Full PDB file with SEQRES, HELIX, SHEET, SSBOND, CRYST1, ORIGX, SCALE, CONECT and MASTER records, all heavy atoms in Angstrom:
SEQRES   1 A   32  ALA GLY LEU VAL VAL ALA ALA VAL ARG TRP LYS ARG THR          
SEQRES   2 A   32  TYR MET TRP TRP PRO PHE PHE VAL PRO LEU PHE VAL THR          
SEQRES   3 A   32  GLN VAL PHE SER ARG GLY                                      
HELIX    1 AA1 GLY A    2  VAL A    8  1                                   7    
HELIX    2 AA2 TRP A   10  THR A   13  1                                   4    
HELIX    3 AA3 TRP A   17  PHE A   19  5                                   3    
HELIX    4 AA4 PHE A   20  VAL A   28  1                                   9    
CRYST1    1.000    1.000    1.000  90.00  90.00  90.00 P 1           1          
ORIGX1      1.000000  0.000000  0.000000        0.00000                         
ORIGX2      0.000000  1.000000  0.000000        0.00000                         
ORIGX3      0.000000  0.000000  1.000000        0.00000                         
SCALE1      1.000000  0.000000  0.000000        0.00000                         
SCALE2      0.000000  1.000000  0.000000        0.00000                         
SCALE3      0.000000  0.000000  1.000000        0.00000                         
ATOM      1  N   ALA A   1       0.835  -1.146   0.062  1.00  0.00           N  
ATOM      2  CA  ALA A   1      -0.022   0.018   0.054  1.00  0.00           C  
ATOM      3  C   ALA A   1       0.819   1.294  -0.046  1.00  0.00           C  
ATOM      4  O   ALA A   1       0.566   2.284  -0.638  1.00  0.00           O  
ATOM      5  CB  ALA A   1      -0.924  -0.002   1.219  1.00  0.00           C  
ATOM      6  N   GLY A   2       2.026   1.108   0.752  1.00  0.00           N  
ATOM      7  CA  GLY A   2       2.849   2.345   0.828  1.00  0.00           C  
ATOM      8  C   GLY A   2       3.535   2.594  -0.465  1.00  0.00           C  
ATOM      9  O   GLY A   2       3.785   3.793  -0.879  1.00  0.00           O  
ATOM     10  N   LEU A   3       3.901   1.642  -1.308  1.00  0.00           N  
ATOM     11  CA  LEU A   3       4.398   1.782  -2.494  1.00  0.00           C  
ATOM     12  C   LEU A   3       3.525   2.582  -3.429  1.00  0.00           C  
ATOM     13  O   LEU A   3       3.925   3.457  -4.253  1.00  0.00           O  
ATOM     14  CB  LEU A   3       4.800   0.440  -3.197  1.00  0.00           C  
ATOM     15  CG  LEU A   3       6.052  -0.356  -2.661  1.00  0.00           C  
ATOM     16  CD1 LEU A   3       6.166  -1.610  -3.340  1.00  0.00           C  
ATOM     17  CD2 LEU A   3       7.289   0.481  -2.872  1.00  0.00           C  
ATOM     18  N   VAL A   4       2.196   2.197  -3.412  1.00  0.00           N  
ATOM     19  CA  VAL A   4       1.266   2.938  -4.223  1.00  0.00           C  
ATOM     20  C   VAL A   4       1.088   4.435  -3.855  1.00  0.00           C  
ATOM     21  O   VAL A   4       1.186   5.196  -4.653  1.00  0.00           O  
ATOM     22  CB  VAL A   4      -0.194   2.152  -4.201  1.00  0.00           C  
ATOM     23  CG1 VAL A   4      -1.256   2.936  -4.898  1.00  0.00           C  
ATOM     24  CG2 VAL A   4      -0.046   0.740  -4.681  1.00  0.00           C  
ATOM     25  N   VAL A   5       0.940   4.545  -2.490  1.00  0.00           N  
ATOM     26  CA  VAL A   5       0.792   5.949  -1.954  1.00  0.00           C  
ATOM     27  C   VAL A   5       2.087   6.701  -2.403  1.00  0.00           C  
ATOM     28  O   VAL A   5       2.100   7.917  -2.838  1.00  0.00           O  
ATOM     29  CB  VAL A   5       0.665   6.030  -0.511  1.00  0.00           C  
ATOM     30  CG1 VAL A   5       0.659   7.427   0.029  1.00  0.00           C  
ATOM     31  CG2 VAL A   5      -0.691   5.301  -0.138  1.00  0.00           C  
ATOM     32  N   ALA A   6       3.346   6.185  -2.131  1.00  0.00           N  
ATOM     33  CA  ALA A   6       4.522   6.811  -2.499  1.00  0.00           C  
ATOM     34  C   ALA A   6       4.667   7.251  -3.952  1.00  0.00           C  
ATOM     35  O   ALA A   6       5.234   8.296  -4.325  1.00  0.00           O  
ATOM     36  CB  ALA A   6       5.641   5.999  -1.963  1.00  0.00           C  
ATOM     37  N   ALA A   7       4.150   6.397  -4.768  1.00  0.00           N  
ATOM     38  CA  ALA A   7       4.109   6.648  -6.265  1.00  0.00           C  
ATOM     39  C   ALA A   7       3.331   7.786  -6.549  1.00  0.00           C  
ATOM     40  O   ALA A   7       3.616   8.755  -7.495  1.00  0.00           O  
ATOM     41  CB  ALA A   7       3.814   5.454  -6.994  1.00  0.00           C  
ATOM     42  N   VAL A   8       2.086   7.951  -5.861  1.00  0.00           N  
ATOM     43  CA  VAL A   8       1.191   9.002  -6.097  1.00  0.00           C  
ATOM     44  C   VAL A   8       1.769  10.259  -5.486  1.00  0.00           C  
ATOM     45  O   VAL A   8       1.767  11.351  -6.145  1.00  0.00           O  
ATOM     46  CB  VAL A   8      -0.233   8.668  -5.468  1.00  0.00           C  
ATOM     47  CG1 VAL A   8      -0.973   9.949  -5.684  1.00  0.00           C  
ATOM     48  CG2 VAL A   8      -0.851   7.494  -6.210  1.00  0.00           C  
ATOM     49  N   ARG A   9       2.449  10.213  -4.319  1.00  0.00           N  
ATOM     50  CA  ARG A   9       2.912  11.195  -3.534  1.00  0.00           C  
ATOM     51  C   ARG A   9       4.496  11.384  -3.893  1.00  0.00           C  
ATOM     52  O   ARG A   9       5.310  11.423  -3.054  1.00  0.00           O  
ATOM     53  CB  ARG A   9       2.606  11.107  -2.076  1.00  0.00           C  
ATOM     54  CG  ARG A   9       1.242  11.067  -1.702  1.00  0.00           C  
ATOM     55  CD  ARG A   9       0.398  12.187  -2.128  1.00  0.00           C  
ATOM     56  NE  ARG A   9      -0.996  12.067  -1.743  1.00  0.00           N  
ATOM     57  CZ  ARG A   9      -1.844  12.948  -2.129  1.00  0.00           C  
ATOM     58  NH1 ARG A   9      -1.654  13.735  -3.181  1.00  0.00           N  
ATOM     59  NH2 ARG A   9      -3.127  12.760  -1.755  1.00  0.00           N  
ATOM     60  N   TRP A  10       4.701  11.436  -5.152  1.00  0.00           N  
ATOM     61  CA  TRP A  10       6.086  11.249  -5.637  1.00  0.00           C  
ATOM     62  C   TRP A  10       6.998  12.296  -5.148  1.00  0.00           C  
ATOM     63  O   TRP A  10       8.129  12.009  -4.683  1.00  0.00           O  
ATOM     64  CB  TRP A  10       6.065  11.294  -7.262  1.00  0.00           C  
ATOM     65  CG  TRP A  10       7.390  11.392  -7.928  1.00  0.00           C  
ATOM     66  CD1 TRP A  10       7.865  12.359  -8.603  1.00  0.00           C  
ATOM     67  CD2 TRP A  10       8.173  10.180  -8.009  1.00  0.00           C  
ATOM     68  NE1 TRP A  10       9.021  11.871  -9.066  1.00  0.00           N  
ATOM     69  CE2 TRP A  10       9.369  10.628  -8.727  1.00  0.00           C  
ATOM     70  CE3 TRP A  10       8.248   8.832  -7.573  1.00  0.00           C  
ATOM     71  CZ2 TRP A  10      10.393   9.722  -9.178  1.00  0.00           C  
ATOM     72  CZ3 TRP A  10       9.231   7.968  -7.908  1.00  0.00           C  
ATOM     73  CH2 TRP A  10      10.403   8.445  -8.682  1.00  0.00           C  
ATOM     74  N   LYS A  11       6.503  13.550  -4.978  1.00  0.00           N  
ATOM     75  CA  LYS A  11       7.346  14.612  -4.607  1.00  0.00           C  
ATOM     76  C   LYS A  11       7.786  14.595  -3.215  1.00  0.00           C  
ATOM     77  O   LYS A  11       8.749  15.285  -2.706  1.00  0.00           O  
ATOM     78  CB  LYS A  11       6.730  15.972  -4.930  1.00  0.00           C  
ATOM     79  CG  LYS A  11       6.631  16.326  -6.483  1.00  0.00           C  
ATOM     80  CD  LYS A  11       6.148  17.631  -6.680  1.00  0.00           C  
ATOM     81  CE  LYS A  11       6.251  18.019  -8.165  1.00  0.00           C  
ATOM     82  NZ  LYS A  11       5.680  19.342  -8.543  1.00  0.00           N  
ATOM     83  N   ARG A  12       6.991  13.866  -2.387  1.00  0.00           N  
ATOM     84  CA  ARG A  12       7.438  13.671  -0.918  1.00  0.00           C  
ATOM     85  C   ARG A  12       8.217  12.576  -0.732  1.00  0.00           C  
ATOM     86  O   ARG A  12       8.765  12.321   0.463  1.00  0.00           O  
ATOM     87  CB  ARG A  12       5.958  13.605  -0.149  1.00  0.00           C  
ATOM     88  CG  ARG A  12       5.329  14.859  -0.007  1.00  0.00           C  
ATOM     89  CD  ARG A  12       3.962  14.637   0.645  1.00  0.00           C  
ATOM     90  NE  ARG A  12       3.965  13.858   1.829  1.00  0.00           N  
ATOM     91  CZ  ARG A  12       2.848  13.216   2.319  1.00  0.00           C  
ATOM     92  NH1 ARG A  12       1.662  13.151   1.712  1.00  0.00           N  
ATOM     93  NH2 ARG A  12       2.973  12.579   3.487  1.00  0.00           N  
ATOM     94  N   THR A  13       8.299  11.563  -1.689  1.00  0.00           N  
ATOM     95  CA  THR A  13       9.007  10.309  -1.336  1.00  0.00           C  
ATOM     96  C   THR A  13      10.016  10.042  -2.383  1.00  0.00           C  
ATOM     97  O   THR A  13      10.729   9.009  -2.310  1.00  0.00           O  
ATOM     98  CB  THR A  13       7.942   9.157  -1.382  1.00  0.00           C  
ATOM     99  OG1 THR A  13       7.457   9.068  -2.733  1.00  0.00           O  
ATOM    100  CG2 THR A  13       6.921   9.403  -0.377  1.00  0.00           C  
ATOM    101  N   TYR A  14      10.445  10.961  -3.371  1.00  0.00           N  
ATOM    102  CA  TYR A  14      11.311  10.632  -4.366  1.00  0.00           C  
ATOM    103  C   TYR A  14      12.654  10.264  -3.769  1.00  0.00           C  
ATOM    104  O   TYR A  14      13.504   9.470  -4.581  1.00  0.00           O  
ATOM    105  CB  TYR A  14      11.467  11.727  -5.377  1.00  0.00           C  
ATOM    106  CG  TYR A  14      12.236  12.939  -4.758  1.00  0.00           C  
ATOM    107  CD1 TYR A  14      13.653  13.053  -4.943  1.00  0.00           C  
ATOM    108  CD2 TYR A  14      11.521  13.931  -4.122  1.00  0.00           C  
ATOM    109  CE1 TYR A  14      14.186  14.195  -4.330  1.00  0.00           C  
ATOM    110  CE2 TYR A  14      12.157  15.034  -3.561  1.00  0.00           C  
ATOM    111  CZ  TYR A  14      13.668  15.100  -3.734  1.00  0.00           C  
ATOM    112  OH  TYR A  14      14.244  16.294  -3.168  1.00  0.00           O  
ATOM    113  N   MET A  15      13.105  10.719  -2.681  1.00  0.00           N  
ATOM    114  CA  MET A  15      14.496  10.494  -2.180  1.00  0.00           C  
ATOM    115  C   MET A  15      14.630   8.996  -1.680  1.00  0.00           C  
ATOM    116  O   MET A  15      15.761   8.594  -1.479  1.00  0.00           O  
ATOM    117  CB  MET A  15      14.698  11.514  -1.064  1.00  0.00           C  
ATOM    118  CG  MET A  15      13.913  11.249   0.243  1.00  0.00           C  
ATOM    119  SD  MET A  15      12.165  11.757   0.086  1.00  0.00           S  
ATOM    120  CE  MET A  15      12.316  13.563  -0.142  1.00  0.00           C  
ATOM    121  N   TRP A  16      13.496   8.320  -1.584  1.00  0.00           N  
ATOM    122  CA  TRP A  16      13.677   6.887  -1.020  1.00  0.00           C  
ATOM    123  C   TRP A  16      13.888   5.895  -2.191  1.00  0.00           C  
ATOM    124  O   TRP A  16      14.689   4.986  -1.945  1.00  0.00           O  
ATOM    125  CB  TRP A  16      12.363   6.503  -0.301  1.00  0.00           C  
ATOM    126  CG  TRP A  16      11.997   7.316   0.826  1.00  0.00           C  
ATOM    127  CD1 TRP A  16      12.715   8.195   1.602  1.00  0.00           C  
ATOM    128  CD2 TRP A  16      10.729   7.485   1.300  1.00  0.00           C  
ATOM    129  NE1 TRP A  16      11.947   8.890   2.473  1.00  0.00           N  
ATOM    130  CE2 TRP A  16      10.587   8.408   2.277  1.00  0.00           C  
ATOM    131  CE3 TRP A  16       9.459   6.771   1.146  1.00  0.00           C  
ATOM    132  CZ2 TRP A  16       9.559   8.699   3.175  1.00  0.00           C  
ATOM    133  CZ3 TRP A  16       8.398   7.058   1.869  1.00  0.00           C  
ATOM    134  CH2 TRP A  16       8.375   7.983   2.910  1.00  0.00           C  
ATOM    135  N   TRP A  17      13.226   6.201  -3.307  1.00  0.00           N  
ATOM    136  CA  TRP A  17      13.287   5.224  -4.479  1.00  0.00           C  
ATOM    137  C   TRP A  17      14.734   4.967  -4.908  1.00  0.00           C  
ATOM    138  O   TRP A  17      14.991   3.749  -5.304  1.00  0.00           O  
ATOM    139  CB  TRP A  17      12.412   5.655  -5.603  1.00  0.00           C  
ATOM    140  CG  TRP A  17      10.990   5.888  -5.285  1.00  0.00           C  
ATOM    141  CD1 TRP A  17      10.383   7.025  -4.720  1.00  0.00           C  
ATOM    142  CD2 TRP A  17      10.057   4.870  -5.424  1.00  0.00           C  
ATOM    143  NE1 TRP A  17       9.075   6.716  -4.428  1.00  0.00           N  
ATOM    144  CE2 TRP A  17       8.814   5.423  -4.970  1.00  0.00           C  
ATOM    145  CE3 TRP A  17       9.953   3.619  -5.938  1.00  0.00           C  
ATOM    146  CZ2 TRP A  17       7.441   4.771  -4.939  1.00  0.00           C  
ATOM    147  CZ3 TRP A  17       8.774   2.866  -5.957  1.00  0.00           C  
ATOM    148  CH2 TRP A  17       7.556   3.438  -5.477  1.00  0.00           C  
ATOM    149  N   PRO A  18      15.710   5.777  -5.051  1.00  0.00           N  
ATOM    150  CA  PRO A  18      16.982   5.372  -5.534  1.00  0.00           C  
ATOM    151  C   PRO A  18      17.683   4.289  -4.679  1.00  0.00           C  
ATOM    152  O   PRO A  18      18.689   3.793  -5.169  1.00  0.00           O  
ATOM    153  CB  PRO A  18      17.812   6.727  -5.458  1.00  0.00           C  
ATOM    154  CG  PRO A  18      16.625   7.785  -5.660  1.00  0.00           C  
ATOM    155  CD  PRO A  18      15.587   7.314  -4.854  1.00  0.00           C  
ATOM    156  N   PHE A  19      17.236   4.148  -3.363  1.00  0.00           N  
ATOM    157  CA  PHE A  19      17.937   3.166  -2.590  1.00  0.00           C  
ATOM    158  C   PHE A  19      17.517   1.588  -2.874  1.00  0.00           C  
ATOM    159  O   PHE A  19      18.013   0.751  -2.287  1.00  0.00           O  
ATOM    160  CB  PHE A  19      17.718   3.478  -0.987  1.00  0.00           C  
ATOM    161  CG  PHE A  19      18.535   4.608  -0.571  1.00  0.00           C  
ATOM    162  CD1 PHE A  19      18.090   5.950  -0.792  1.00  0.00           C  
ATOM    163  CD2 PHE A  19      19.799   4.487  -0.206  1.00  0.00           C  
ATOM    164  CE1 PHE A  19      18.944   7.086  -0.574  1.00  0.00           C  
ATOM    165  CE2 PHE A  19      20.569   5.441   0.162  1.00  0.00           C  
ATOM    166  CZ  PHE A  19      20.144   6.899   0.068  1.00  0.00           C  
ATOM    167  N   PHE A  20      16.728   1.583  -3.913  1.00  0.00           N  
ATOM    168  CA  PHE A  20      16.471   0.173  -4.437  1.00  0.00           C  
ATOM    169  C   PHE A  20      17.681  -0.192  -5.228  1.00  0.00           C  
ATOM    170  O   PHE A  20      17.819  -1.343  -5.352  1.00  0.00           O  
ATOM    171  CB  PHE A  20      15.254   0.254  -5.391  1.00  0.00           C  
ATOM    172  CG  PHE A  20      13.897   0.084  -4.821  1.00  0.00           C  
ATOM    173  CD1 PHE A  20      13.098   1.109  -4.665  1.00  0.00           C  
ATOM    174  CD2 PHE A  20      13.530  -1.122  -4.301  1.00  0.00           C  
ATOM    175  CE1 PHE A  20      11.862   1.070  -3.981  1.00  0.00           C  
ATOM    176  CE2 PHE A  20      12.214  -1.301  -3.703  1.00  0.00           C  
ATOM    177  CZ  PHE A  20      11.433  -0.279  -3.487  1.00  0.00           C  
ATOM    178  N   VAL A  21      18.454   0.800  -5.652  1.00  0.00           N  
ATOM    179  CA  VAL A  21      19.757   0.399  -6.454  1.00  0.00           C  
ATOM    180  C   VAL A  21      20.702  -0.391  -5.603  1.00  0.00           C  
ATOM    181  O   VAL A  21      21.100  -1.494  -5.958  1.00  0.00           O  
ATOM    182  CB  VAL A  21      20.399   1.719  -6.932  1.00  0.00           C  
ATOM    183  CG1 VAL A  21      21.786   1.460  -7.569  1.00  0.00           C  
ATOM    184  CG2 VAL A  21      19.498   2.409  -8.033  1.00  0.00           C  
ATOM    185  N   PRO A  22      21.130   0.030  -4.293  1.00  0.00           N  
ATOM    186  CA  PRO A  22      22.009  -0.804  -3.549  1.00  0.00           C  
ATOM    187  C   PRO A  22      21.384  -2.059  -3.208  1.00  0.00           C  
ATOM    188  O   PRO A  22      22.120  -3.128  -3.044  1.00  0.00           O  
ATOM    189  CB  PRO A  22      22.364   0.109  -2.378  1.00  0.00           C  
ATOM    190  CG  PRO A  22      21.496   1.194  -2.326  1.00  0.00           C  
ATOM    191  CD  PRO A  22      20.944   1.398  -3.687  1.00  0.00           C  
ATOM    192  N   LEU A  23      20.059  -2.073  -3.013  1.00  0.00           N  
ATOM    193  CA  LEU A  23      19.408  -3.391  -2.744  1.00  0.00           C  
ATOM    194  C   LEU A  23      19.480  -4.351  -3.928  1.00  0.00           C  
ATOM    195  O   LEU A  23      19.974  -5.502  -3.690  1.00  0.00           O  
ATOM    196  CB  LEU A  23      17.835  -3.007  -2.389  1.00  0.00           C  
ATOM    197  CG  LEU A  23      17.051  -4.350  -2.290  1.00  0.00           C  
ATOM    198  CD1 LEU A  23      17.412  -5.146  -1.054  1.00  0.00           C  
ATOM    199  CD2 LEU A  23      15.590  -3.952  -2.238  1.00  0.00           C  
ATOM    200  N   PHE A  24      19.070  -3.969  -5.044  1.00  0.00           N  
ATOM    201  CA  PHE A  24      19.072  -4.879  -6.126  1.00  0.00           C  
ATOM    202  C   PHE A  24      20.359  -5.216  -6.860  1.00  0.00           C  
ATOM    203  O   PHE A  24      20.555  -6.269  -7.226  1.00  0.00           O  
ATOM    204  CB  PHE A  24      17.896  -4.434  -7.090  1.00  0.00           C  
ATOM    205  CG  PHE A  24      16.620  -4.841  -6.700  1.00  0.00           C  
ATOM    206  CD1 PHE A  24      15.730  -4.020  -6.050  1.00  0.00           C  
ATOM    207  CD2 PHE A  24      16.227  -6.122  -6.987  1.00  0.00           C  
ATOM    208  CE1 PHE A  24      14.467  -4.352  -5.675  1.00  0.00           C  
ATOM    209  CE2 PHE A  24      14.879  -6.668  -6.577  1.00  0.00           C  
ATOM    210  CZ  PHE A  24      14.016  -5.840  -5.951  1.00  0.00           C  
ATOM    211  N   VAL A  25      21.279  -4.168  -6.918  1.00  0.00           N  
ATOM    212  CA  VAL A  25      22.529  -4.508  -7.592  1.00  0.00           C  
ATOM    213  C   VAL A  25      23.352  -5.605  -6.911  1.00  0.00           C  
ATOM    214  O   VAL A  25      23.864  -6.444  -7.485  1.00  0.00           O  
ATOM    215  CB  VAL A  25      23.352  -3.197  -7.861  1.00  0.00           C  
ATOM    216  CG1 VAL A  25      24.732  -3.454  -8.142  1.00  0.00           C  
ATOM    217  CG2 VAL A  25      22.638  -2.185  -8.832  1.00  0.00           C  
ATOM    218  N   THR A  26      23.302  -5.472  -5.550  1.00  0.00           N  
ATOM    219  CA  THR A  26      24.115  -6.447  -4.791  1.00  0.00           C  
ATOM    220  C   THR A  26      23.455  -7.812  -4.869  1.00  0.00           C  
ATOM    221  O   THR A  26      24.034  -8.862  -4.689  1.00  0.00           O  
ATOM    222  CB  THR A  26      24.203  -6.013  -3.464  1.00  0.00           C  
ATOM    223  OG1 THR A  26      22.822  -5.676  -2.716  1.00  0.00           O  
ATOM    224  CG2 THR A  26      25.087  -4.734  -3.157  1.00  0.00           C  
ATOM    225  N   GLN A  27      22.122  -7.929  -5.134  1.00  0.00           N  
ATOM    226  CA  GLN A  27      21.381  -9.105  -5.131  1.00  0.00           C  
ATOM    227  C   GLN A  27      21.440  -9.749  -6.656  1.00  0.00           C  
ATOM    228  O   GLN A  27      21.706 -11.015  -6.658  1.00  0.00           O  
ATOM    229  CB  GLN A  27      19.947  -8.914  -4.768  1.00  0.00           C  
ATOM    230  CG  GLN A  27      19.666  -8.378  -3.352  1.00  0.00           C  
ATOM    231  CD  GLN A  27      19.834  -9.336  -2.188  1.00  0.00           C  
ATOM    232  OE1 GLN A  27      19.835 -10.565  -2.314  1.00  0.00           O  
ATOM    233  NE2 GLN A  27      20.205  -8.802  -1.039  1.00  0.00           N  
ATOM    234  N   VAL A  28      21.197  -8.929  -7.597  1.00  0.00           N  
ATOM    235  CA  VAL A  28      21.027  -9.460  -8.924  1.00  0.00           C  
ATOM    236  C   VAL A  28      22.426  -9.960  -9.458  1.00  0.00           C  
ATOM    237  O   VAL A  28      22.420 -11.053 -10.252  1.00  0.00           O  
ATOM    238  CB  VAL A  28      20.504  -8.342  -9.796  1.00  0.00           C  
ATOM    239  CG1 VAL A  28      20.579  -8.749 -11.363  1.00  0.00           C  
ATOM    240  CG2 VAL A  28      19.021  -8.126  -9.481  1.00  0.00           C  
ATOM    241  N   PHE A  29      23.429  -9.370  -9.080  1.00  0.00           N  
ATOM    242  CA  PHE A  29      24.811  -9.618  -9.547  1.00  0.00           C  
ATOM    243  C   PHE A  29      25.496 -10.658  -8.776  1.00  0.00           C  
ATOM    244  O   PHE A  29      26.784 -10.752  -8.924  1.00  0.00           O  
ATOM    245  CB  PHE A  29      25.512  -8.446  -9.964  1.00  0.00           C  
ATOM    246  CG  PHE A  29      24.994  -7.691 -11.110  1.00  0.00           C  
ATOM    247  CD1 PHE A  29      24.209  -6.539 -10.816  1.00  0.00           C  
ATOM    248  CD2 PHE A  29      24.814  -8.178 -12.401  1.00  0.00           C  
ATOM    249  CE1 PHE A  29      23.635  -5.745 -11.898  1.00  0.00           C  
ATOM    250  CE2 PHE A  29      24.261  -7.445 -13.499  1.00  0.00           C  
ATOM    251  CZ  PHE A  29      23.554  -6.224 -13.147  1.00  0.00           C  
ATOM    252  N   SER A  30      24.913 -11.276  -7.676  1.00  0.00           N  
ATOM    253  CA  SER A  30      25.569 -12.166  -6.769  1.00  0.00           C  
ATOM    254  C   SER A  30      24.848 -13.440  -6.653  1.00  0.00           C  
ATOM    255  O   SER A  30      23.560 -13.470  -6.914  1.00  0.00           O  
ATOM    256  CB  SER A  30      25.913 -11.554  -5.409  1.00  0.00           C  
ATOM    257  OG  SER A  30      24.734 -11.175  -4.725  1.00  0.00           O  
ATOM    258  N   ARG A  31      25.542 -14.501  -6.230  1.00  0.00           N  
ATOM    259  CA  ARG A  31      24.890 -15.778  -6.160  1.00  0.00           C  
ATOM    260  C   ARG A  31      24.202 -15.980  -4.676  1.00  0.00           C  
ATOM    261  O   ARG A  31      24.647 -15.246  -3.909  1.00  0.00           O  
ATOM    262  CB  ARG A  31      25.829 -16.901  -6.403  1.00  0.00           C  
ATOM    263  CG  ARG A  31      26.504 -16.832  -7.693  1.00  0.00           C  
ATOM    264  CD  ARG A  31      27.806 -17.590  -7.924  1.00  0.00           C  
ATOM    265  NE  ARG A  31      28.364 -17.385  -9.236  1.00  0.00           N  
ATOM    266  CZ  ARG A  31      28.145 -18.125 -10.247  1.00  0.00           C  
ATOM    267  NH1 ARG A  31      27.412 -19.323 -10.028  1.00  0.00           N  
ATOM    268  NH2 ARG A  31      28.724 -17.887 -11.452  1.00  0.00           N  
ATOM    269  N   GLY A  32      23.310 -16.933  -4.557  1.00  0.00           N  
ATOM    270  CA  GLY A  32      22.724 -17.160  -3.361  1.00  0.00           C  
ATOM    271  C   GLY A  32      21.682 -16.067  -2.834  1.00  0.00           C  
ATOM    272  O   GLY A  32      21.506 -15.881  -1.621  1.00  0.00           O  
TER     273      GLY A  32                                                      
MASTER        0    0    0    4    0    0    0    6  272    1    0    3          
END                                                                             
């Protein structure tokens, strides 16, 4: 639900979304 609200309230939450990068880069390019 928060992802949906944050997408609508983009200007209040834009600073959080880029932190998906350290989450997914370390996961996608590593094993296990």
